[in-house]
N, C-alpha and C. Protein backbone atom coordinates (compact mmCIF):
# COMPACT_ATOMS: atom_id res chain seq x y z
N MET A 1 -62.43 27.02 92.14
CA MET A 1 -61.99 26.45 90.95
C MET A 1 -63.05 25.46 90.35
N LEU A 2 -63.26 25.41 89.12
CA LEU A 2 -64.34 24.71 88.48
C LEU A 2 -64.27 23.22 88.74
N PHE A 3 -63.06 22.70 88.73
CA PHE A 3 -62.79 21.19 88.77
C PHE A 3 -62.04 20.82 90.03
N SER A 4 -62.29 21.49 91.06
CA SER A 4 -61.62 21.21 92.33
C SER A 4 -61.97 19.78 92.88
N ALA A 5 -62.98 19.09 92.32
CA ALA A 5 -63.31 17.78 92.84
C ALA A 5 -62.28 16.72 92.36
N LEU A 6 -61.53 17.12 91.30
CA LEU A 6 -60.54 16.20 90.79
C LEU A 6 -59.20 16.31 91.59
N PRO A 7 -58.50 15.27 91.78
CA PRO A 7 -57.16 15.38 92.68
C PRO A 7 -56.05 16.06 91.82
N PHE A 8 -56.29 17.33 91.44
CA PHE A 8 -55.23 17.93 90.67
C PHE A 8 -54.06 18.30 91.61
N ARG A 9 -52.82 18.17 91.06
CA ARG A 9 -51.58 18.64 91.81
C ARG A 9 -51.02 19.71 91.02
N PRO A 10 -50.17 20.54 91.61
CA PRO A 10 -49.60 21.72 90.99
C PRO A 10 -49.05 21.44 89.57
N ALA A 11 -48.53 20.28 89.42
CA ALA A 11 -47.90 19.90 88.05
C ALA A 11 -48.91 19.97 86.96
N TYR A 12 -50.26 19.86 87.27
CA TYR A 12 -51.26 19.71 86.30
C TYR A 12 -51.48 21.19 85.59
N PHE A 13 -50.98 22.19 86.31
CA PHE A 13 -51.19 23.38 85.65
C PHE A 13 -49.97 23.95 85.01
N VAL A 14 -48.97 23.17 84.88
CA VAL A 14 -47.81 23.55 84.03
C VAL A 14 -48.16 23.55 82.62
N ILE A 15 -48.83 22.41 82.12
CA ILE A 15 -49.12 22.44 80.71
C ILE A 15 -50.36 23.31 80.42
N GLY A 16 -51.18 23.55 81.54
CA GLY A 16 -52.36 24.41 81.34
C GLY A 16 -51.89 25.84 81.12
N ALA A 17 -50.90 26.33 81.82
CA ALA A 17 -50.39 27.70 81.72
C ALA A 17 -49.75 27.82 80.33
N ALA A 18 -48.93 26.80 79.93
CA ALA A 18 -48.28 26.95 78.66
C ALA A 18 -49.25 26.96 77.54
N ALA A 19 -50.37 26.14 77.56
CA ALA A 19 -51.30 26.05 76.47
C ALA A 19 -52.08 27.36 76.40
N LEU A 20 -52.40 27.89 77.52
CA LEU A 20 -53.17 29.00 77.53
C LEU A 20 -52.53 30.25 77.09
N ALA A 21 -51.24 30.22 77.17
CA ALA A 21 -50.41 31.36 76.73
C ALA A 21 -50.32 31.26 75.18
N LEU A 22 -50.62 30.15 74.65
CA LEU A 22 -50.24 29.92 73.24
C LEU A 22 -51.48 29.78 72.40
N ALA A 23 -52.51 29.18 72.86
CA ALA A 23 -53.69 28.88 72.11
C ALA A 23 -54.94 29.43 72.66
N ALA A 24 -55.84 29.83 71.75
CA ALA A 24 -57.20 30.19 72.17
C ALA A 24 -58.07 29.44 71.16
N CYS A 25 -59.30 29.01 71.80
CA CYS A 25 -60.19 28.39 70.90
C CYS A 25 -60.92 29.50 70.02
N GLY A 26 -60.80 29.39 68.67
CA GLY A 26 -61.37 30.33 67.88
C GLY A 26 -61.19 30.13 66.37
N GLY A 27 -62.15 30.48 65.59
CA GLY A 27 -62.05 30.26 64.23
C GLY A 27 -60.98 31.20 63.64
N ALA A 28 -60.48 30.86 62.43
CA ALA A 28 -59.60 31.63 61.65
C ALA A 28 -59.98 31.65 60.22
N SER A 29 -59.47 32.64 59.50
CA SER A 29 -59.87 32.73 58.08
C SER A 29 -59.39 31.45 57.33
N SER A 30 -60.35 30.93 56.45
CA SER A 30 -60.07 29.73 55.84
C SER A 30 -58.91 29.82 54.77
N ASP A 31 -58.59 31.18 54.36
CA ASP A 31 -57.43 31.16 53.40
C ASP A 31 -56.22 31.54 54.12
N GLU A 32 -56.20 31.47 55.45
CA GLU A 32 -55.01 31.72 56.15
C GLU A 32 -54.10 30.45 56.21
N ALA A 33 -52.85 30.58 55.74
CA ALA A 33 -51.94 29.49 55.69
C ALA A 33 -50.59 29.93 56.11
N ALA A 34 -50.03 29.25 57.09
CA ALA A 34 -48.65 29.56 57.61
C ALA A 34 -47.63 28.97 56.59
N ASP A 35 -46.33 29.43 56.90
CA ASP A 35 -45.34 28.80 56.07
C ASP A 35 -45.20 27.38 56.25
N SER A 36 -44.77 26.69 55.26
CA SER A 36 -44.63 25.21 55.26
C SER A 36 -43.48 24.81 56.18
N ALA A 37 -43.62 23.69 56.74
CA ALA A 37 -42.55 22.99 57.51
C ALA A 37 -42.43 21.60 56.89
N ASP A 38 -41.38 20.90 57.20
CA ASP A 38 -41.32 19.58 56.64
C ASP A 38 -42.38 18.67 57.23
N ALA A 39 -43.03 17.92 56.33
CA ALA A 39 -44.13 17.02 56.79
C ALA A 39 -43.51 15.93 57.80
N GLU A 40 -44.28 15.71 58.77
CA GLU A 40 -43.79 14.74 59.74
C GLU A 40 -43.93 13.33 59.27
N THR A 41 -42.97 12.44 59.71
CA THR A 41 -43.26 10.97 59.59
C THR A 41 -43.94 10.51 60.87
N ILE A 42 -45.13 9.98 60.69
CA ILE A 42 -45.93 9.59 61.86
C ILE A 42 -45.34 8.32 62.49
N ASP A 43 -44.99 8.39 63.80
CA ASP A 43 -44.49 7.36 64.53
C ASP A 43 -45.57 6.26 64.78
N GLU A 44 -45.29 5.11 64.29
CA GLU A 44 -46.30 4.02 64.43
C GLU A 44 -45.97 3.05 65.59
N SER A 45 -44.81 3.27 66.24
CA SER A 45 -44.28 2.23 67.21
C SER A 45 -45.06 2.34 68.52
N ALA A 46 -45.47 3.47 68.96
CA ALA A 46 -46.12 3.61 70.22
C ALA A 46 -47.53 3.02 70.24
N THR A 47 -47.95 2.58 71.38
CA THR A 47 -49.26 1.96 71.45
C THR A 47 -50.06 2.47 72.71
N GLY A 48 -51.34 2.16 72.72
CA GLY A 48 -52.13 2.57 73.94
C GLY A 48 -52.21 4.09 74.04
N ALA A 49 -52.16 4.50 75.16
CA ALA A 49 -52.38 5.96 75.47
C ALA A 49 -51.35 6.87 74.82
N PHE A 50 -50.19 6.32 74.39
CA PHE A 50 -49.10 7.05 73.79
C PHE A 50 -49.02 6.97 72.31
N ALA A 51 -49.99 6.43 71.70
CA ALA A 51 -50.00 6.09 70.24
C ALA A 51 -50.42 7.53 69.58
N GLU A 52 -49.91 7.64 68.30
CA GLU A 52 -50.47 8.65 67.53
C GLU A 52 -51.98 8.29 67.21
N MET A 53 -52.94 9.08 67.43
CA MET A 53 -54.30 8.85 67.27
C MET A 53 -54.65 9.12 65.81
N THR A 54 -54.85 8.09 64.92
CA THR A 54 -54.98 8.31 63.57
C THR A 54 -56.18 7.60 62.94
N ARG A 55 -56.61 8.09 61.86
CA ARG A 55 -57.66 7.45 60.96
C ARG A 55 -57.25 7.56 59.64
N GLY A 56 -57.45 6.50 58.86
CA GLY A 56 -57.07 6.44 57.50
C GLY A 56 -55.86 5.49 57.24
N GLU A 57 -55.60 5.34 55.92
CA GLU A 57 -54.57 4.50 55.48
C GLU A 57 -53.10 5.15 55.78
N ALA A 58 -52.19 4.28 56.27
CA ALA A 58 -50.86 4.82 56.57
C ALA A 58 -50.15 5.34 55.32
N ASP A 59 -50.42 4.81 54.14
CA ASP A 59 -49.73 5.26 52.88
C ASP A 59 -50.59 6.31 52.13
N ALA A 60 -51.59 6.89 52.87
CA ALA A 60 -52.31 8.04 52.12
C ALA A 60 -51.36 9.08 51.69
N ILE A 61 -51.75 9.70 50.48
CA ILE A 61 -50.88 10.63 49.89
C ILE A 61 -50.88 11.96 50.53
N VAL A 62 -51.86 12.30 51.39
CA VAL A 62 -51.91 13.54 52.19
C VAL A 62 -52.01 13.10 53.67
N THR A 63 -51.29 13.78 54.55
CA THR A 63 -51.48 13.65 56.04
C THR A 63 -51.98 14.98 56.58
N VAL A 64 -53.07 14.86 57.27
CA VAL A 64 -53.51 16.08 57.95
C VAL A 64 -53.42 15.87 59.58
N ILE A 65 -52.76 16.80 60.08
CA ILE A 65 -52.67 16.75 61.70
C ILE A 65 -53.58 17.84 62.21
N GLU A 66 -54.50 17.42 63.04
CA GLU A 66 -55.36 18.44 63.71
C GLU A 66 -54.83 18.69 65.17
N TYR A 67 -54.64 19.88 65.49
CA TYR A 67 -54.27 20.39 66.77
C TYR A 67 -55.63 20.91 67.31
N ALA A 68 -56.16 20.32 68.38
CA ALA A 68 -57.50 20.67 68.97
C ALA A 68 -57.56 20.45 70.43
N SER A 69 -58.60 21.08 71.03
CA SER A 69 -58.83 21.01 72.48
C SER A 69 -60.28 20.45 72.71
N VAL A 70 -60.41 19.55 73.62
CA VAL A 70 -61.75 19.08 73.91
C VAL A 70 -62.63 19.99 74.70
N THR A 71 -62.12 21.18 75.04
CA THR A 71 -62.95 22.22 75.62
C THR A 71 -63.18 23.39 74.67
N CYS A 72 -62.72 23.20 73.48
CA CYS A 72 -62.97 24.29 72.48
C CYS A 72 -64.24 24.11 71.73
N PRO A 73 -65.18 25.01 71.75
CA PRO A 73 -66.43 24.87 71.02
C PRO A 73 -66.26 24.84 69.52
N HIS A 74 -65.23 25.71 69.00
CA HIS A 74 -65.00 25.68 67.58
C HIS A 74 -64.53 24.23 67.11
N CYS A 75 -63.75 23.57 67.99
CA CYS A 75 -63.34 22.19 67.58
C CYS A 75 -64.42 21.29 67.73
N ALA A 76 -65.38 21.44 68.57
CA ALA A 76 -66.56 20.68 68.66
C ALA A 76 -67.49 20.81 67.36
N THR A 77 -67.54 22.05 67.02
CA THR A 77 -68.32 22.39 65.76
C THR A 77 -67.74 21.79 64.53
N PHE A 78 -66.38 21.82 64.44
CA PHE A 78 -65.61 21.13 63.27
C PHE A 78 -65.95 19.72 63.36
N HIS A 79 -65.83 19.09 64.40
CA HIS A 79 -66.06 17.56 64.46
C HIS A 79 -67.49 17.09 64.23
N GLU A 80 -68.42 18.00 64.51
CA GLU A 80 -69.80 17.73 64.24
C GLU A 80 -70.28 17.99 62.86
N GLN A 81 -69.79 19.17 62.27
CA GLN A 81 -70.34 19.66 61.03
C GLN A 81 -69.46 19.46 59.90
N VAL A 82 -68.08 19.33 60.00
CA VAL A 82 -67.16 19.22 58.97
C VAL A 82 -66.52 17.88 58.88
N TYR A 83 -66.08 17.39 60.01
CA TYR A 83 -65.25 16.04 60.02
C TYR A 83 -66.02 14.98 59.31
N PRO A 84 -67.29 14.73 59.69
CA PRO A 84 -67.95 13.55 59.06
C PRO A 84 -67.91 13.52 57.53
N THR A 85 -68.10 14.56 56.91
CA THR A 85 -67.92 14.60 55.40
C THR A 85 -66.50 14.36 54.93
N ILE A 86 -65.55 14.99 55.61
CA ILE A 86 -64.18 14.85 55.31
C ILE A 86 -63.76 13.36 55.40
N LYS A 87 -64.22 12.75 56.58
CA LYS A 87 -63.94 11.31 56.76
C LYS A 87 -64.56 10.47 55.59
N GLU A 88 -65.74 10.76 55.25
CA GLU A 88 -66.35 9.93 54.25
C GLU A 88 -65.76 10.14 52.85
N ASN A 89 -65.37 11.33 52.48
CA ASN A 89 -64.78 11.64 51.21
C ASN A 89 -63.37 11.45 50.96
N TYR A 90 -62.53 11.62 52.07
CA TYR A 90 -61.15 11.60 51.95
C TYR A 90 -60.46 10.61 52.81
N ILE A 91 -60.89 10.36 54.04
CA ILE A 91 -60.16 9.49 54.94
C ILE A 91 -60.59 8.01 54.60
N ASP A 92 -61.84 7.78 54.59
CA ASP A 92 -62.36 6.38 54.30
C ASP A 92 -62.02 5.91 52.83
N THR A 93 -61.75 6.83 52.01
CA THR A 93 -61.43 6.53 50.52
C THR A 93 -59.88 6.32 50.43
N GLY A 94 -59.09 6.43 51.46
CA GLY A 94 -57.62 6.24 51.36
C GLY A 94 -56.85 7.41 50.83
N LYS A 95 -57.45 8.58 50.67
CA LYS A 95 -56.75 9.81 50.14
C LYS A 95 -55.95 10.44 51.25
N VAL A 96 -56.55 10.41 52.47
CA VAL A 96 -56.01 11.30 53.60
C VAL A 96 -55.74 10.47 54.81
N ARG A 97 -54.67 10.68 55.56
CA ARG A 97 -54.43 10.16 56.77
C ARG A 97 -54.64 11.31 57.80
N PHE A 98 -55.49 11.05 58.73
CA PHE A 98 -55.82 12.10 59.81
C PHE A 98 -55.23 11.73 61.05
N VAL A 99 -54.53 12.76 61.67
CA VAL A 99 -53.92 12.58 63.00
C VAL A 99 -54.43 13.70 63.93
N PHE A 100 -54.93 13.15 65.10
CA PHE A 100 -55.40 14.14 66.06
C PHE A 100 -54.43 14.34 67.12
N ARG A 101 -54.09 15.49 67.44
CA ARG A 101 -53.21 15.88 68.58
C ARG A 101 -53.88 16.90 69.47
N GLU A 102 -53.65 16.73 70.78
CA GLU A 102 -54.22 17.52 71.74
C GLU A 102 -53.34 18.90 71.89
N PHE A 103 -54.11 20.00 72.09
CA PHE A 103 -53.60 21.26 72.34
C PHE A 103 -54.47 22.04 73.21
N PRO A 104 -54.33 21.78 74.61
CA PRO A 104 -55.33 22.20 75.54
C PRO A 104 -55.54 23.70 75.46
N THR A 105 -56.84 24.15 75.79
CA THR A 105 -57.19 25.49 75.96
C THR A 105 -58.04 25.67 77.19
N ALA A 106 -58.63 26.85 77.40
CA ALA A 106 -59.27 27.03 78.69
C ALA A 106 -60.66 26.36 78.60
N PRO A 107 -61.12 25.92 79.80
CA PRO A 107 -60.39 25.90 81.13
C PRO A 107 -59.44 24.80 81.07
N ALA A 108 -58.19 25.11 81.38
CA ALA A 108 -57.05 24.24 81.22
C ALA A 108 -57.13 22.91 81.97
N ASN A 109 -57.60 22.94 83.20
CA ASN A 109 -57.60 21.77 83.96
C ASN A 109 -58.72 20.73 83.45
N LEU A 110 -59.78 21.14 82.87
CA LEU A 110 -60.81 20.32 82.32
C LEU A 110 -60.41 19.84 80.95
N SER A 111 -59.67 20.76 80.14
CA SER A 111 -59.13 20.23 78.84
C SER A 111 -58.08 19.11 79.00
N ILE A 112 -57.21 19.21 80.06
CA ILE A 112 -56.24 18.31 80.32
C ILE A 112 -56.88 16.94 80.84
N ALA A 113 -57.87 17.10 81.70
CA ALA A 113 -58.48 15.87 82.21
C ALA A 113 -59.23 15.12 81.17
N GLY A 114 -60.03 15.90 80.23
CA GLY A 114 -60.73 15.22 79.20
C GLY A 114 -59.63 14.50 78.18
N SER A 115 -58.58 15.14 77.88
CA SER A 115 -57.63 14.58 77.00
C SER A 115 -56.99 13.25 77.60
N MET A 116 -56.81 13.35 78.85
CA MET A 116 -56.15 12.21 79.58
C MET A 116 -57.11 11.02 79.58
N LEU A 117 -58.31 11.37 79.86
CA LEU A 117 -59.40 10.28 79.85
C LEU A 117 -59.37 9.59 78.53
N ALA A 118 -59.46 10.44 77.37
CA ALA A 118 -59.48 9.75 76.11
C ALA A 118 -58.23 8.89 75.82
N ARG A 119 -57.07 9.44 76.29
CA ARG A 119 -55.82 8.72 76.09
C ARG A 119 -55.79 7.33 76.91
N CYS A 120 -56.36 7.46 78.08
CA CYS A 120 -56.37 6.29 78.93
C CYS A 120 -57.26 5.17 78.48
N ALA A 121 -58.34 5.60 77.79
CA ALA A 121 -59.38 4.77 77.17
C ALA A 121 -58.67 3.82 76.10
N ALA A 122 -57.54 4.50 75.45
CA ALA A 122 -57.02 3.67 74.40
C ALA A 122 -56.04 2.55 74.89
N ASP A 123 -55.75 2.60 76.10
CA ASP A 123 -54.91 1.56 76.65
C ASP A 123 -55.66 0.19 76.63
N ASP A 124 -56.93 0.16 76.81
CA ASP A 124 -57.64 -1.16 76.60
C ASP A 124 -58.42 -1.28 75.35
N GLY A 125 -58.97 -0.15 74.91
CA GLY A 125 -59.82 -0.21 73.70
C GLY A 125 -59.14 0.29 72.43
N GLY A 126 -57.86 0.70 72.50
CA GLY A 126 -57.24 1.13 71.19
C GLY A 126 -57.79 2.47 70.75
N MET A 127 -57.56 2.81 69.40
CA MET A 127 -57.88 3.97 68.89
C MET A 127 -59.37 4.14 68.85
N ASP A 128 -60.11 3.09 68.63
CA ASP A 128 -61.52 3.13 68.47
C ASP A 128 -62.07 3.77 69.86
N ALA A 129 -61.62 3.25 70.97
CA ALA A 129 -62.06 3.82 72.15
C ALA A 129 -61.67 5.36 72.43
N TYR A 130 -60.51 5.51 72.01
CA TYR A 130 -59.99 6.91 72.08
C TYR A 130 -61.05 7.87 71.34
N PHE A 131 -61.26 7.63 70.10
CA PHE A 131 -62.13 8.47 69.29
C PHE A 131 -63.58 8.41 69.73
N LEU A 132 -64.00 7.29 70.34
CA LEU A 132 -65.39 7.26 70.98
C LEU A 132 -65.48 8.25 72.05
N VAL A 133 -64.51 8.23 72.95
CA VAL A 133 -64.49 9.15 74.05
C VAL A 133 -64.36 10.63 73.62
N LEU A 134 -63.46 10.91 72.62
CA LEU A 134 -63.25 12.17 72.05
C LEU A 134 -64.57 12.67 71.47
N ASP A 135 -65.26 11.90 70.78
CA ASP A 135 -66.43 12.33 70.10
C ASP A 135 -67.55 12.64 71.19
N THR A 136 -67.58 11.90 72.23
CA THR A 136 -68.53 12.18 73.32
C THR A 136 -68.11 13.49 74.06
N LEU A 137 -66.82 13.71 74.29
CA LEU A 137 -66.43 14.96 75.00
C LEU A 137 -66.87 16.19 74.09
N PHE A 138 -66.70 16.08 72.82
CA PHE A 138 -67.14 17.12 72.03
C PHE A 138 -68.62 17.34 71.96
N LYS A 139 -69.39 16.34 71.91
CA LYS A 139 -70.81 16.47 71.83
C LYS A 139 -71.48 16.87 73.13
N THR A 140 -70.84 16.65 74.24
CA THR A 140 -71.44 16.91 75.56
C THR A 140 -70.63 18.00 76.34
N GLN A 141 -69.94 18.80 75.50
CA GLN A 141 -69.07 19.89 76.12
C GLN A 141 -69.83 20.70 77.15
N ARG A 142 -71.08 21.18 76.85
CA ARG A 142 -71.69 22.04 77.86
C ARG A 142 -72.12 21.33 79.13
N THR A 143 -72.32 20.08 79.02
CA THR A 143 -72.67 19.28 80.30
C THR A 143 -71.49 19.08 81.17
N TRP A 144 -70.39 18.54 80.57
CA TRP A 144 -69.25 18.16 81.45
C TRP A 144 -68.25 19.43 81.80
N ILE A 145 -68.30 20.42 81.05
CA ILE A 145 -67.49 21.59 81.30
C ILE A 145 -68.17 22.57 82.26
N TYR A 146 -69.49 22.77 82.04
CA TYR A 146 -70.28 23.81 82.72
C TYR A 146 -71.30 23.33 83.70
N GLY A 147 -71.33 22.06 83.89
CA GLY A 147 -72.38 21.42 84.78
C GLY A 147 -71.88 21.65 86.26
N GLU A 148 -72.72 21.28 87.19
CA GLU A 148 -72.47 21.49 88.55
C GLU A 148 -71.28 20.59 89.08
N ASN A 149 -71.19 19.47 88.50
CA ASN A 149 -70.09 18.42 88.95
C ASN A 149 -69.42 17.91 87.74
N PRO A 150 -68.46 18.53 87.16
CA PRO A 150 -67.73 18.00 85.99
C PRO A 150 -67.14 16.66 86.29
N ARG A 151 -66.69 16.37 87.39
CA ARG A 151 -65.99 15.11 87.62
C ARG A 151 -67.10 13.98 87.44
N GLU A 152 -68.24 14.16 87.99
CA GLU A 152 -69.28 13.13 87.78
C GLU A 152 -69.66 12.97 86.38
N GLU A 153 -69.69 14.05 85.59
CA GLU A 153 -69.97 13.88 84.18
C GLU A 153 -68.82 13.13 83.40
N LEU A 154 -67.63 13.38 83.80
CA LEU A 154 -66.47 12.69 83.15
C LEU A 154 -66.49 11.22 83.57
N ILE A 155 -67.00 10.95 84.84
CA ILE A 155 -67.10 9.48 85.26
C ILE A 155 -68.13 8.79 84.37
N LYS A 156 -69.13 9.48 84.01
CA LYS A 156 -70.13 8.92 83.07
C LYS A 156 -69.50 8.57 81.78
N ILE A 157 -68.70 9.45 81.15
CA ILE A 157 -68.11 9.33 79.88
C ILE A 157 -67.07 8.16 80.04
N ALA A 158 -66.29 8.16 81.09
CA ALA A 158 -65.34 7.08 81.35
C ALA A 158 -65.96 5.70 81.41
N ALA A 159 -67.16 5.67 81.92
CA ALA A 159 -67.87 4.38 81.99
C ALA A 159 -68.21 3.81 80.65
N GLN A 160 -68.39 4.55 79.65
CA GLN A 160 -68.62 4.11 78.32
C GLN A 160 -67.41 3.40 77.70
N ALA A 161 -66.29 3.80 78.28
CA ALA A 161 -65.07 3.08 77.83
C ALA A 161 -64.60 2.00 78.77
N GLY A 162 -65.51 1.63 79.79
CA GLY A 162 -65.28 0.63 80.66
C GLY A 162 -64.31 0.93 81.78
N MET A 163 -64.23 2.21 82.14
CA MET A 163 -63.39 2.78 83.14
C MET A 163 -64.12 3.28 84.39
N SER A 164 -63.74 2.79 85.54
CA SER A 164 -64.43 3.16 86.79
C SER A 164 -63.98 4.57 87.29
N ALA A 165 -64.59 4.96 88.30
CA ALA A 165 -64.27 6.33 88.90
C ALA A 165 -62.85 6.27 89.29
N ASP A 166 -62.48 5.28 90.10
CA ASP A 166 -61.13 5.05 90.60
C ASP A 166 -60.11 5.00 89.38
N GLY A 167 -60.58 4.43 88.28
CA GLY A 167 -59.67 4.36 87.10
C GLY A 167 -59.50 5.76 86.44
N LEU A 168 -60.55 6.56 86.54
CA LEU A 168 -60.41 7.90 86.00
C LEU A 168 -59.40 8.69 86.86
N ASP A 169 -59.57 8.62 88.15
CA ASP A 169 -58.62 9.28 89.07
C ASP A 169 -57.21 8.86 88.87
N ALA A 170 -57.04 7.57 88.65
CA ALA A 170 -55.69 7.05 88.44
C ALA A 170 -55.13 7.49 87.10
N CYS A 171 -55.98 7.65 86.09
CA CYS A 171 -55.57 8.12 84.73
C CYS A 171 -55.09 9.52 84.96
N ILE A 172 -55.79 10.37 85.66
CA ILE A 172 -55.48 11.78 85.59
C ILE A 172 -54.29 12.04 86.60
N ALA A 173 -53.85 10.99 87.31
CA ALA A 173 -52.63 11.11 88.12
C ALA A 173 -51.43 10.68 87.38
N ARG A 174 -51.48 10.24 86.11
CA ARG A 174 -50.39 9.78 85.51
C ARG A 174 -49.42 10.87 84.91
N GLU A 175 -48.33 11.07 85.57
CA GLU A 175 -47.42 12.09 85.20
C GLU A 175 -46.79 11.90 83.78
N GLU A 176 -46.53 10.61 83.43
CA GLU A 176 -45.93 10.41 82.10
C GLU A 176 -46.86 10.84 81.03
N LEU A 177 -48.23 10.73 81.17
CA LEU A 177 -49.17 11.05 80.19
C LEU A 177 -49.33 12.65 80.22
N LEU A 178 -49.19 13.23 81.35
CA LEU A 178 -49.12 14.82 81.36
C LEU A 178 -47.99 15.18 80.60
N ASP A 179 -46.83 14.56 80.76
CA ASP A 179 -45.66 14.94 80.09
C ASP A 179 -45.87 14.72 78.51
N PHE A 180 -46.66 13.72 78.17
CA PHE A 180 -46.86 13.36 76.71
C PHE A 180 -47.64 14.58 76.15
N LEU A 181 -48.70 14.96 76.84
CA LEU A 181 -49.52 16.09 76.36
C LEU A 181 -48.67 17.43 76.37
N ASN A 182 -47.85 17.63 77.22
CA ASN A 182 -47.04 18.81 77.22
C ASN A 182 -46.13 18.86 76.01
N GLU A 183 -45.61 17.54 75.57
CA GLU A 183 -44.80 17.51 74.44
C GLU A 183 -45.65 17.77 73.21
N SER A 184 -46.87 17.43 73.11
CA SER A 184 -47.73 17.74 71.95
C SER A 184 -47.83 19.27 71.80
N VAL A 185 -48.03 20.00 73.00
CA VAL A 185 -48.04 21.39 72.83
C VAL A 185 -46.76 21.98 72.37
N THR A 186 -45.58 21.49 72.91
CA THR A 186 -44.27 21.96 72.49
C THR A 186 -44.08 21.82 71.06
N VAL A 187 -44.38 20.56 70.52
CA VAL A 187 -44.18 20.27 69.05
C VAL A 187 -45.22 21.35 68.18
N GLY A 188 -46.36 21.45 68.64
CA GLY A 188 -47.22 22.23 67.89
C GLY A 188 -46.83 23.69 67.86
N ARG A 189 -46.24 24.10 69.03
CA ARG A 189 -45.81 25.51 69.12
C ARG A 189 -44.47 25.76 68.39
N ASP A 190 -43.50 24.92 68.60
CA ASP A 190 -42.30 25.12 68.09
C ASP A 190 -42.07 24.79 66.52
N LYS A 191 -42.74 23.76 66.10
CA LYS A 191 -42.62 23.27 64.75
C LYS A 191 -43.64 24.00 63.78
N TYR A 192 -44.83 24.19 64.29
CA TYR A 192 -45.88 24.76 63.43
C TYR A 192 -46.45 26.11 63.84
N ASP A 193 -45.92 26.62 64.94
CA ASP A 193 -46.38 27.91 65.50
C ASP A 193 -47.88 27.88 65.71
N ILE A 194 -48.42 26.81 66.30
CA ILE A 194 -49.88 26.73 66.54
C ILE A 194 -50.22 27.72 67.70
N ARG A 195 -51.23 28.55 67.34
CA ARG A 195 -51.68 29.58 68.27
C ARG A 195 -53.11 29.56 68.59
N SER A 196 -53.91 28.87 67.84
CA SER A 196 -55.37 28.75 67.98
C SER A 196 -55.85 27.31 67.70
N THR A 197 -57.05 26.99 68.13
CA THR A 197 -57.57 25.69 67.79
C THR A 197 -58.95 25.86 67.28
N PRO A 198 -59.35 25.02 66.35
CA PRO A 198 -58.55 23.96 65.77
C PRO A 198 -57.55 24.53 64.62
N SER A 199 -56.42 23.95 64.64
CA SER A 199 -55.55 24.31 63.51
C SER A 199 -55.14 23.06 62.84
N PHE A 200 -54.87 23.08 61.61
CA PHE A 200 -54.64 21.88 60.70
C PHE A 200 -53.35 21.98 60.03
N VAL A 201 -52.53 20.93 60.05
CA VAL A 201 -51.24 20.84 59.24
C VAL A 201 -51.45 19.89 58.05
N VAL A 202 -51.46 20.40 56.89
CA VAL A 202 -51.79 19.61 55.76
C VAL A 202 -50.47 19.42 54.89
N ASN A 203 -49.95 18.18 55.04
CA ASN A 203 -48.64 17.90 54.39
C ASN A 203 -47.60 19.04 54.79
N GLY A 204 -47.54 19.46 55.99
CA GLY A 204 -46.53 20.29 56.46
C GLY A 204 -46.92 21.80 56.42
N THR A 205 -48.08 22.18 55.92
CA THR A 205 -48.54 23.54 55.81
C THR A 205 -49.75 23.81 56.83
N VAL A 206 -49.51 24.79 57.66
CA VAL A 206 -50.62 25.00 58.65
C VAL A 206 -51.84 25.78 57.95
N ARG A 207 -53.03 25.21 58.18
CA ARG A 207 -54.19 25.83 57.53
C ARG A 207 -55.26 25.99 58.64
N HIS A 208 -56.29 26.78 58.28
CA HIS A 208 -57.41 26.99 59.09
C HIS A 208 -58.68 26.90 58.22
N PHE A 209 -59.69 26.16 58.61
CA PHE A 209 -60.91 25.92 57.78
C PHE A 209 -62.10 26.29 58.47
N SER A 210 -63.11 26.83 57.70
CA SER A 210 -64.36 27.18 58.29
C SER A 210 -65.62 26.39 57.80
N SER A 211 -65.34 25.59 56.78
CA SER A 211 -66.52 24.78 56.21
C SER A 211 -66.01 23.47 55.49
N VAL A 212 -66.87 22.68 55.21
CA VAL A 212 -66.50 21.57 54.40
C VAL A 212 -65.92 21.93 53.04
N GLU A 213 -66.51 23.02 52.47
CA GLU A 213 -66.13 23.42 51.10
C GLU A 213 -64.56 23.83 51.26
N ASP A 214 -64.25 24.64 52.21
CA ASP A 214 -62.87 25.12 52.40
C ASP A 214 -61.95 24.01 52.50
N MET A 215 -62.24 23.07 53.35
CA MET A 215 -61.22 21.99 53.64
C MET A 215 -61.23 21.19 52.46
N SER A 216 -62.25 20.74 51.77
CA SER A 216 -62.28 19.95 50.71
C SER A 216 -61.43 20.50 49.55
N ALA A 217 -61.51 21.78 49.37
CA ALA A 217 -60.70 22.46 48.31
C ALA A 217 -59.21 22.44 48.68
N ALA A 218 -58.91 22.57 49.87
CA ALA A 218 -57.36 22.52 50.31
C ALA A 218 -56.93 21.10 50.19
N LEU A 219 -57.76 20.09 50.48
CA LEU A 219 -57.26 18.65 50.40
C LEU A 219 -57.22 18.25 48.96
N ASP A 220 -58.09 18.77 48.14
CA ASP A 220 -58.03 18.44 46.69
C ASP A 220 -56.66 19.02 46.10
N GLU A 221 -56.33 20.28 46.62
CA GLU A 221 -55.13 20.88 46.05
C GLU A 221 -53.97 20.16 46.62
N ALA A 222 -53.98 19.73 47.84
CA ALA A 222 -52.79 18.98 48.32
C ALA A 222 -52.63 17.55 47.66
N ILE A 223 -53.70 16.92 47.47
CA ILE A 223 -53.72 15.62 46.71
C ILE A 223 -53.07 15.77 45.35
N GLU A 224 -53.53 16.83 44.62
CA GLU A 224 -53.04 17.10 43.31
C GLU A 224 -51.51 17.33 43.33
N LYS A 225 -51.10 18.28 44.26
CA LYS A 225 -49.70 18.61 44.36
C LYS A 225 -48.86 17.32 44.77
N ALA A 226 -49.35 16.51 45.65
CA ALA A 226 -48.62 15.39 46.08
C ALA A 226 -48.39 14.34 45.07
N GLY A 227 -49.38 14.35 44.07
CA GLY A 227 -49.35 13.34 42.98
C GLY A 227 -48.53 13.77 41.89
N GLU A 228 -47.97 14.95 41.89
CA GLU A 228 -47.17 15.44 40.73
C GLU A 228 -45.89 14.71 40.60
C-alpha cells in the first residue's frame, strides 16, 4: 500500500471506497450543466477544522461550491491556471462567494490524509492556514503522492502550518473529522449528483469548466440572473 507508513485503521477506507465509487478526477465538457437544486445556505456557525472553507463576501450575489480532491491533477490544474483569475475578478471584488468542499478520489488514503491535514491546520490558523496547505498540496502533488515516502512529504507540508509529525498523526486519527469528510461526500452525491472532480455548483446548478473564459462566462450569466 502506497501510504502504509501512516497509522490507517479500517475506518479510513470507508470514505475512500465511497468516494472512489462515485468520483473520478477528470475534466468535463464546459457546457455540461446538471439540473438545478436549491442553492445552499452556507453554515457560518462552525469553526476551525469543521468550518465551511470560504473565500469572498458572505453577501455575494453568487455562491460557487467546488467539490474537489487534493489528489486530483485536474483540480490542481484548475487551482493553478483558472482560480487565480477568478479570485481576482469575481471573489476579491465581492461578486462571488467561493466554498471549497472535499470529495476524495484515488488514491483514497492519500486524498483523505491530505484533506484532514488541511482541515486540522484550520484549528489554529483558520481559513488562511487551510487554503495555504490546500495550495501546497495541489502544487506538490507529484512529490507527496508519488514520492518514496508520502508521510515524510506530508510532515513537511504540515510543518508550514506549525504542525509536528505527532500532530499530523493525531490529526489523521480524528474519527469525527473523517465523519465530516464522509458527510461532504454524501451531500455532494445526494444533493448534486457529484460524480467527478472538480465539479462546481453555481447558485444551485452543477457545472464543469475547462478554462478561465468558460467559468467567467458562467459567472457573468449567474450574476446577471441573480440581479434580476
